[in-house]
N, C-alpha and C. Protein backbone atom coordinates (compact mmCIF):
# COMPACT_ATOMS: atom_id res chain seq x y z
N THR A 1 10.86 -2.18 -13.20
CA THR A 1 9.92 -1.72 -12.18
C THR A 1 9.26 -0.42 -12.63
N ARG A 2 8.22 -0.03 -11.94
CA ARG A 2 7.52 1.21 -12.26
C ARG A 2 8.36 2.43 -11.88
N TRP A 3 9.29 2.26 -10.93
CA TRP A 3 10.16 3.38 -10.55
C TRP A 3 10.95 3.87 -11.76
N ASN A 4 11.41 2.93 -12.59
CA ASN A 4 12.19 3.32 -13.77
C ASN A 4 11.37 4.15 -14.74
N GLU A 5 10.07 3.94 -14.78
CA GLU A 5 9.20 4.74 -15.65
C GLU A 5 9.15 6.19 -15.17
N ILE A 6 9.29 6.40 -13.89
CA ILE A 6 9.22 7.75 -13.33
C ILE A 6 10.55 8.48 -13.47
N PHE A 7 11.65 7.82 -13.10
CA PHE A 7 12.95 8.49 -13.07
C PHE A 7 13.75 8.33 -14.36
N HIS A 8 13.39 7.40 -15.22
CA HIS A 8 14.02 7.20 -16.54
C HIS A 8 15.52 6.92 -16.47
N ASP A 9 16.02 6.50 -15.33
CA ASP A 9 17.45 6.18 -15.20
C ASP A 9 17.58 5.06 -14.18
N GLN A 10 18.02 3.90 -14.63
CA GLN A 10 18.06 2.73 -13.76
C GLN A 10 19.04 2.90 -12.60
N VAL A 11 20.18 3.54 -12.84
CA VAL A 11 21.17 3.74 -11.77
C VAL A 11 20.63 4.71 -10.73
N LEU A 12 20.02 5.80 -11.17
CA LEU A 12 19.43 6.77 -10.25
C LEU A 12 18.31 6.12 -9.44
N THR A 13 17.50 5.34 -10.10
CA THR A 13 16.39 4.65 -9.43
C THR A 13 16.92 3.71 -8.35
N ALA A 14 17.94 2.94 -8.67
CA ALA A 14 18.53 2.02 -7.69
C ALA A 14 19.11 2.78 -6.50
N ALA A 15 19.78 3.89 -6.76
CA ALA A 15 20.37 4.68 -5.68
C ALA A 15 19.29 5.28 -4.79
N LEU A 16 18.23 5.80 -5.39
CA LEU A 16 17.15 6.41 -4.60
C LEU A 16 16.43 5.38 -3.74
N THR A 17 16.09 4.25 -4.33
CA THR A 17 15.38 3.24 -3.54
C THR A 17 16.27 2.65 -2.45
N ASP A 18 17.57 2.54 -2.72
CA ASP A 18 18.50 2.06 -1.71
C ASP A 18 18.55 3.02 -0.53
N ARG A 19 18.58 4.31 -0.80
CA ARG A 19 18.63 5.30 0.28
C ARG A 19 17.30 5.40 1.03
N LEU A 20 16.21 5.21 0.32
CA LEU A 20 14.90 5.26 0.97
C LEU A 20 14.66 4.06 1.89
N THR A 21 15.21 2.92 1.53
CA THR A 21 14.93 1.70 2.29
C THR A 21 16.06 1.30 3.22
N HIS A 22 17.14 2.06 3.27
CA HIS A 22 18.32 1.68 4.06
C HIS A 22 17.98 1.43 5.53
N LYS A 23 17.26 2.33 6.17
CA LYS A 23 16.93 2.18 7.59
C LYS A 23 15.44 1.96 7.80
N SER A 24 14.79 1.41 6.81
CA SER A 24 13.34 1.22 6.90
C SER A 24 13.01 -0.10 7.60
N HIS A 25 11.77 -0.23 7.99
CA HIS A 25 11.25 -1.45 8.59
C HIS A 25 10.18 -2.01 7.67
N VAL A 26 10.18 -3.32 7.50
CA VAL A 26 9.18 -3.98 6.67
C VAL A 26 7.99 -4.33 7.55
N LEU A 27 6.81 -3.92 7.12
CA LEU A 27 5.58 -4.20 7.85
C LEU A 27 4.79 -5.27 7.11
N ASN A 28 4.34 -6.28 7.82
CA ASN A 28 3.52 -7.33 7.24
C ASN A 28 2.09 -6.82 7.18
N MET A 29 1.59 -6.58 5.99
CA MET A 29 0.25 -6.03 5.80
C MET A 29 -0.69 -7.07 5.20
N ASN A 30 -0.48 -8.34 5.53
CA ASN A 30 -1.27 -9.42 4.94
C ASN A 30 -2.47 -9.83 5.78
N GLY A 31 -2.72 -9.15 6.88
CA GLY A 31 -3.85 -9.49 7.74
C GLY A 31 -5.16 -9.01 7.16
N PRO A 32 -6.25 -9.20 7.89
CA PRO A 32 -7.55 -8.74 7.41
C PRO A 32 -7.61 -7.22 7.31
N SER A 33 -8.31 -6.73 6.33
CA SER A 33 -8.41 -5.30 6.08
C SER A 33 -9.40 -4.65 7.04
N PHE A 34 -8.94 -3.66 7.77
CA PHE A 34 -9.81 -2.93 8.70
C PHE A 34 -10.88 -2.15 7.92
N ARG A 35 -10.46 -1.52 6.83
CA ARG A 35 -11.42 -0.75 6.03
C ARG A 35 -12.47 -1.65 5.39
N MET A 36 -12.06 -2.85 4.95
CA MET A 36 -13.02 -3.77 4.35
C MET A 36 -14.06 -4.20 5.38
N ARG A 37 -13.60 -4.48 6.61
CA ARG A 37 -14.53 -4.88 7.67
C ARG A 37 -15.52 -3.75 7.96
N GLU A 38 -15.03 -2.51 8.03
CA GLU A 38 -15.92 -1.36 8.26
C GLU A 38 -16.93 -1.22 7.13
N THR A 39 -16.48 -1.39 5.89
CA THR A 39 -17.36 -1.27 4.73
C THR A 39 -18.43 -2.35 4.75
N GLU A 40 -18.05 -3.58 5.08
CA GLU A 40 -19.02 -4.67 5.15
C GLU A 40 -20.07 -4.40 6.23
N GLU A 41 -19.63 -3.90 7.39
CA GLU A 41 -20.58 -3.56 8.46
C GLU A 41 -21.51 -2.43 8.02
N TRP A 42 -20.95 -1.44 7.35
CA TRP A 42 -21.76 -0.31 6.88
C TRP A 42 -22.80 -0.78 5.87
N LEU A 43 -22.39 -1.64 4.92
CA LEU A 43 -23.32 -2.17 3.92
C LEU A 43 -24.41 -3.00 4.58
N LYS A 44 -24.05 -3.79 5.58
CA LYS A 44 -25.03 -4.61 6.29
C LYS A 44 -26.05 -3.70 6.98
N ASN A 45 -25.58 -2.63 7.62
CA ASN A 45 -26.48 -1.70 8.29
C ASN A 45 -27.37 -0.95 7.30
N GLU A 46 -26.83 -0.63 6.14
CA GLU A 46 -27.60 0.06 5.10
C GLU A 46 -28.74 -0.83 4.61
N SER A 47 -28.46 -2.12 4.43
CA SER A 47 -29.49 -3.02 3.91
C SER A 47 -30.57 -3.29 4.95
N THR A 48 -30.25 -3.21 6.23
CA THR A 48 -31.27 -3.43 7.27
C THR A 48 -32.08 -2.17 7.54
N ASP A 49 -31.57 -1.00 7.13
CA ASP A 49 -32.28 0.26 7.34
C ASP A 49 -33.43 0.44 6.35
N ASP A 50 -33.41 -0.28 5.24
CA ASP A 50 -34.45 -0.12 4.20
C ASP A 50 -35.76 -0.72 4.59
């Protein structure tokens, strides 16, 4: 993983990620992008302003 590139120690990396995720909640972020929708609306408005 990329974490190993940062910490250079597989055991330390496993311990850190285990402690970071122990009481975490997984969020499903697979829905439509709010920022993408805003950008598309902005681009549409820009093209009609010309």
